[in-house]
Amino acid sequence: MILLDIPWNINPEIFSVGKFAIRWYGLLFASSFFFGYLIMAGFFKKEKIPEEVLDRLTLYMALGTIIGARLGHCLFYEPDYYLSNPVEILMVWHGGLASHGAGIGIFIALYLFAKKSKKSYLWILDRMAFVVALSGFFIRTGNLMNSEIYGVETNLPWGFVFLRNGETVPKHPTQIYEALAYLFVFILLYFIYKRNQGVFKSGLLFSLFMIFVFGFRFFIEFIKNNQVAFESGMTLNMGQWLSIPFVLFGIILLFFVLKKPVPE
C-alpha cells in the first residue's frame, strides 16, 4: 500500500485584529449550539411546545456544557494543579475541556430544567441526544483544526502529520474518527425519530446515544495519545474509565425501555 501521509498545518485562527481573534474551534463550538437550536425548534414546533421553553432549555444546556466540560477537565485530568490554583479554573482559554465532564454537566442541567418545567426527564434527554451527538461532531472537528487530541503513530495511508506540533511521522487523526462516529449517531437517532413520527418508547434514543457515543469513545481511546502524564502507566486511560459507566447505564436503560409497551 502506498502511504499518502497528509501534512496538517492549519492555522487555528481564521483571522485576527490586534488581540482579537476568531478561531475555528470557537466557531465550530458556536455552530453546535446554532444548529442544535434549529433542530430542537423543529421538534418543538411539531410537538406544539412554546418557543420560550426552548430558549430556557438552550440556556440550561449552554451553562451545563461549558461548566461541566471545564470542571471535568480540571478535576478528572489535572486535579492537583487546579485545586492548588482554583482561580485558573475560570480561565477557560487556558487548559482544556472534557467531554465526560460536559456530559455530567448536561445531565444535571437537564434534570434541573425538567424539574422546573415539569417535563419528563427522559423526554428531554431523548430529544437532547440529537443535539449532543451533533455537538460532538463539531467539537471534534474543532480539535482537528487545533491540531490537538490526536492518536498514536500509524502507517495507514490517511495518517496526519501534525506539523504545528512538531510531529514528523503520521498519527491517527482520531478527531476525524470520533467526529464521524458522532455524526453517525446523530443520523441514526434522527432516522428513528422521523420514522416513528416522534412517537417511541421513552428513553430509547437516549439509551442508544449513551451506548454508541461512549462505546465509540472507549475503543478510539486505544489509538489516542494520552492527554496527561499519569495515564502512561494505565491499562485503560482516564477517558476509557469514564466511558464505561455511561455505556453500562445506557445498556441497563435500554433493557428497561424495551420491556415497556409501545406508546400509542
Protein backbone atom coordinates (compact mmCIF):
# COMPACT_ATOMS: atom_id res chain seq x y z
CA MET A 1 0.00 0.00 0.00
CA ILE A 2 1.32 3.43 -0.96
CA LEU A 3 1.49 5.77 2.01
CA LEU A 4 -0.36 9.03 1.49
CA ASP A 5 0.66 10.90 4.62
CA ILE A 6 -1.34 14.09 4.98
CA PRO A 7 0.66 17.11 6.21
CA TRP A 8 -1.63 19.09 8.53
CA ASN A 9 -0.68 22.65 9.36
CA ILE A 10 -3.94 24.59 9.55
CA ASN A 11 -3.86 27.89 11.44
CA PRO A 12 -6.30 27.63 14.39
CA GLU A 13 -7.18 31.31 13.85
CA ILE A 14 -9.46 32.21 10.96
CA PHE A 15 -8.45 35.87 11.26
CA SER A 16 -7.31 38.29 13.93
CA VAL A 17 -7.36 42.03 14.51
CA GLY A 18 -4.89 43.02 17.20
CA LYS A 19 -5.52 40.80 20.21
CA PHE A 20 -8.98 39.85 18.95
CA ALA A 21 -9.15 36.60 17.01
CA ILE A 22 -11.80 34.32 15.58
CA ARG A 23 -10.73 30.70 15.95
CA TRP A 24 -12.02 27.62 14.16
CA TYR A 25 -12.71 25.88 17.46
CA GLY A 26 -14.84 28.73 18.77
CA LEU A 27 -16.76 29.00 15.50
CA LEU A 28 -17.48 25.26 15.41
CA PHE A 29 -18.42 25.21 19.10
CA ALA A 30 -20.91 28.04 18.49
CA SER A 31 -22.19 26.22 15.38
CA SER A 32 -23.09 23.22 17.51
CA PHE A 33 -25.48 25.39 19.53
CA PHE A 34 -26.83 27.17 16.44
CA PHE A 35 -27.71 24.02 14.50
CA GLY A 36 -28.83 22.25 17.66
CA TYR A 37 -31.26 25.09 18.31
CA LEU A 38 -32.67 24.83 14.78
CA ILE A 39 -33.19 21.08 15.12
CA MET A 40 -34.86 21.41 18.51
CA ALA A 41 -37.02 24.26 17.22
CA GLY A 42 -38.35 21.88 14.56
CA PHE A 43 -39.11 19.20 17.16
CA PHE A 44 -40.81 21.67 19.50
CA LYS A 45 -42.89 23.14 16.69
CA LYS A 46 -44.03 19.66 15.62
CA GLU A 47 -44.91 18.78 19.21
CA LYS A 48 -46.59 22.19 19.78
CA ILE A 49 -44.33 23.31 22.61
CA PRO A 50 -43.90 27.09 23.10
CA GLU A 51 -40.65 28.60 21.79
CA GLU A 52 -39.82 30.23 25.14
CA VAL A 53 -39.43 26.72 26.61
CA LEU A 54 -36.73 26.02 24.03
CA ASP A 55 -34.98 29.31 24.84
CA ARG A 56 -34.79 28.34 28.52
CA LEU A 57 -33.62 24.85 27.60
CA THR A 58 -30.84 26.29 25.41
CA LEU A 59 -29.59 28.43 28.29
CA TYR A 60 -29.53 25.43 30.65
CA MET A 61 -27.71 23.36 28.01
CA ALA A 62 -25.08 26.04 27.36
CA LEU A 63 -24.31 26.51 31.05
CA GLY A 64 -24.30 22.77 31.76
CA THR A 65 -21.98 22.08 28.82
CA ILE A 66 -19.42 24.79 29.49
CA ILE A 67 -19.31 24.49 33.29
CA GLY A 68 -19.31 20.69 33.22
CA ALA A 69 -16.65 20.45 30.49
CA ARG A 70 -14.33 22.83 32.30
CA LEU A 71 -14.74 21.28 35.73
CA GLY A 72 -14.42 17.83 34.20
CA HIS A 73 -11.03 18.65 32.69
CA CYS A 74 -9.77 20.31 35.87
CA LEU A 75 -10.94 17.60 38.28
CA PHE A 76 -10.51 14.44 36.16
CA TYR A 77 -7.21 15.20 34.45
CA GLU A 78 -5.29 17.80 36.50
CA PRO A 79 -6.88 18.00 39.96
CA ASP A 80 -3.66 18.71 41.88
CA TYR A 81 -2.82 21.74 39.76
CA TYR A 82 -6.27 23.29 39.61
CA LEU A 83 -7.13 22.68 43.26
CA SER A 84 -3.88 24.47 44.10
CA ASN A 85 -4.73 27.26 41.62
CA PRO A 86 -8.55 27.46 41.75
CA VAL A 87 -8.74 30.86 40.03
CA GLU A 88 -7.39 29.26 36.86
CA ILE A 89 -10.46 27.03 36.67
CA LEU A 90 -12.28 30.15 35.47
CA MET A 91 -9.70 30.74 32.72
CA VAL A 92 -11.34 28.55 30.07
CA TRP A 93 -8.88 29.83 27.45
CA HIS A 94 -6.05 28.19 29.48
CA GLY A 95 -6.17 24.41 29.68
CA GLY A 96 -8.97 22.34 28.24
CA LEU A 97 -12.48 20.97 28.29
CA ALA A 98 -13.53 17.36 28.95
CA SER A 99 -16.43 15.73 27.10
CA HIS A 100 -17.26 13.45 30.03
CA GLY A 101 -17.49 16.49 32.28
CA ALA A 102 -19.75 18.12 29.71
CA GLY A 103 -21.96 15.02 29.78
CA ILE A 104 -22.31 15.17 33.56
CA GLY A 105 -22.97 18.90 33.40
CA ILE A 106 -25.67 18.39 30.78
CA PHE A 107 -27.39 15.67 32.84
CA ILE A 108 -27.53 17.94 35.88
CA ALA A 109 -28.69 20.96 33.87
CA LEU A 110 -31.43 18.99 32.13
CA TYR A 111 -32.59 17.49 35.42
CA LEU A 112 -32.98 21.00 36.85
CA PHE A 113 -34.76 22.10 33.68
CA ALA A 114 -37.13 19.11 33.77
CA LYS A 115 -37.96 19.76 37.41
CA LYS A 116 -38.65 23.46 36.80
CA SER A 117 -40.56 22.91 33.55
CA LYS A 118 -42.50 19.87 34.82
CA LYS A 119 -41.37 17.81 31.83
CA SER A 120 -40.34 14.16 31.88
CA TYR A 121 -36.58 13.88 32.33
CA LEU A 122 -36.33 11.05 29.78
CA TRP A 123 -38.47 13.03 27.31
CA ILE A 124 -35.92 15.84 27.41
CA LEU A 125 -32.90 13.50 27.31
CA ASP A 126 -34.28 11.71 24.24
CA ARG A 127 -34.51 14.94 22.28
CA MET A 128 -31.28 16.45 23.51
CA ALA A 129 -29.40 13.31 22.45
CA PHE A 130 -29.58 14.59 18.85
CA VAL A 131 -28.05 17.91 19.77
CA VAL A 132 -25.27 16.47 21.90
CA ALA A 133 -24.28 13.94 19.22
CA LEU A 134 -24.15 16.70 16.61
CA SER A 135 -22.19 18.92 19.01
CA GLY A 136 -19.64 16.14 19.39
CA PHE A 137 -19.14 16.17 15.62
CA PHE A 138 -18.50 19.93 15.58
CA ILE A 139 -16.24 19.92 18.65
CA ARG A 140 -14.01 17.09 17.42
CA THR A 141 -13.72 18.91 14.08
CA GLY A 142 -12.59 21.92 16.10
CA ASN A 143 -9.98 19.75 17.80
CA LEU A 144 -8.70 18.78 14.35
CA MET A 145 -8.38 22.45 13.38
CA ASN A 146 -6.41 22.99 16.61
CA SER A 147 -4.14 20.00 15.85
CA GLU A 148 -4.96 18.53 19.27
CA ILE A 149 -6.22 15.27 20.80
CA TYR A 150 -4.88 13.03 18.04
CA GLY A 151 -3.68 9.46 18.00
CA VAL A 152 -0.54 7.39 18.08
CA GLU A 153 1.77 6.74 15.14
CA THR A 154 0.26 4.86 12.20
CA ASN A 155 1.34 3.51 8.81
CA LEU A 156 -2.17 3.73 7.39
CA PRO A 157 -2.45 5.85 4.22
CA TRP A 158 -4.61 8.50 5.86
CA GLY A 159 -2.24 9.29 8.74
CA PHE A 160 -1.89 13.01 9.53
CA VAL A 161 1.46 14.67 10.23
CA PHE A 162 0.58 17.43 12.69
CA LEU A 163 3.29 19.88 11.70
CA ARG A 164 2.21 22.66 14.06
CA ASN A 165 3.11 20.41 17.00
CA GLY A 166 6.49 19.48 15.55
CA GLU A 167 5.38 15.98 14.52
CA THR A 168 7.41 14.31 11.78
CA VAL A 169 5.58 11.00 11.47
CA PRO A 170 1.92 10.29 10.62
CA LYS A 171 -0.52 9.89 13.50
CA HIS A 172 -4.08 8.57 13.66
CA PRO A 173 -6.48 11.51 13.08
CA THR A 174 -8.67 10.33 15.94
CA GLN A 175 -10.54 13.65 15.86
CA ILE A 176 -11.95 12.59 12.48
CA TYR A 177 -12.77 9.08 13.72
CA GLU A 178 -14.74 10.49 16.64
CA ALA A 179 -16.39 13.21 14.58
CA LEU A 180 -17.67 10.66 12.05
CA ALA A 181 -18.81 8.32 14.85
CA TYR A 182 -20.84 11.11 16.46
CA LEU A 183 -22.27 12.14 13.10
CA PHE A 184 -23.37 8.53 12.56
CA VAL A 185 -25.12 8.53 15.97
CA PHE A 186 -26.88 11.79 15.10
CA ILE A 187 -28.13 10.38 11.78
CA LEU A 188 -29.25 7.13 13.44
CA LEU A 189 -31.25 8.92 16.15
CA TYR A 190 -32.76 11.35 13.66
CA PHE A 191 -33.81 8.46 11.41
CA ILE A 192 -35.53 6.68 14.33
CA TYR A 193 -37.31 9.87 15.38
CA LYS A 194 -38.54 10.71 11.87
CA ARG A 195 -39.53 7.14 11.02
CA ASN A 196 -41.66 6.93 14.15
CA GLN A 197 -43.05 10.46 13.78
CA GLY A 198 -41.75 11.37 17.23
CA VAL A 199 -43.64 8.51 18.91
CA PHE A 200 -41.33 5.95 20.53
CA LYS A 201 -40.59 4.37 23.88
CA SER A 202 -39.37 7.00 26.31
CA GLY A 203 -35.64 6.62 26.88
CA LEU A 204 -34.94 4.73 23.64
CA LEU A 205 -32.96 7.45 21.88
CA PHE A 206 -31.05 8.44 24.98
CA SER A 207 -30.03 4.86 25.79
CA LEU A 208 -28.79 4.32 22.22
CA PHE A 209 -26.91 7.60 22.42
CA MET A 210 -25.14 6.53 25.61
CA ILE A 211 -24.18 3.11 24.24
CA PHE A 212 -22.91 4.26 20.86
CA VAL A 213 -21.27 7.60 21.71
CA PHE A 214 -19.34 6.38 24.73
CA GLY A 215 -18.79 2.95 23.18
CA PHE A 216 -17.10 4.56 20.19
CA ARG A 217 -15.13 6.79 22.54
CA PHE A 218 -13.92 3.78 24.56
CA PHE A 219 -12.50 1.96 21.53
CA ILE A 220 -10.99 5.03 19.83
CA GLU A 221 -9.07 5.77 23.05
CA PHE A 222 -6.91 2.69 22.36
CA ILE A 223 -5.20 4.54 19.50
CA LYS A 224 -5.26 8.02 21.03
CA ASN A 225 -2.31 9.70 22.73
CA ASN A 226 -2.65 10.13 26.47
CA GLN A 227 -3.86 13.60 27.43
CA VAL A 228 -1.95 13.80 30.72
CA ALA A 229 1.21 12.15 32.04
CA PHE A 230 -0.37 9.97 34.74
CA GLU A 231 -2.23 7.95 32.05
CA SER A 232 1.00 6.48 30.66
CA GLY A 233 1.06 3.57 33.12
CA MET A 234 -2.66 2.77 32.93
CA THR A 235 -4.10 -0.26 31.11
CA LEU A 236 -7.17 1.83 30.35
CA ASN A 237 -6.81 5.61 30.23
CA MET A 238 -8.99 8.13 32.02
CA GLY A 239 -11.27 8.61 29.00
CA GLN A 240 -11.99 4.88 28.90
CA TRP A 241 -12.64 4.56 32.64
CA LEU A 242 -15.03 7.49 32.43
CA SER A 243 -16.79 5.98 29.40
CA ILE A 244 -17.55 2.61 31.00
CA PRO A 245 -20.27 3.86 33.43
CA PHE A 246 -22.01 5.75 30.62
CA VAL A 247 -22.11 2.64 28.39
CA LEU A 248 -23.32 0.40 31.23
CA PHE A 249 -26.02 2.90 32.16
CA GLY A 250 -27.15 3.01 28.52
CA ILE A 251 -27.36 -0.80 28.32
CA ILE A 252 -29.35 -1.04 31.56
CA LEU A 253 -31.70 1.74 30.49
CA LEU A 254 -32.23 0.12 27.07
CA PHE A 255 -33.12 -3.17 28.77
CA PHE A 256 -35.89 -1.49 30.77
CA VAL A 257 -37.02 0.62 27.79
CA LEU A 258 -37.52 -2.45 25.61
CA LYS A 259 -39.75 -4.00 28.28
CA LYS A 260 -42.12 -1.02 28.11
CA PRO A 261 -45.24 -1.11 25.93
CA VAL A 262 -45.06 0.90 22.73
CA PRO A 263 -46.81 4.30 23.23
CA GLU A 264 -49.91 4.88 21.13
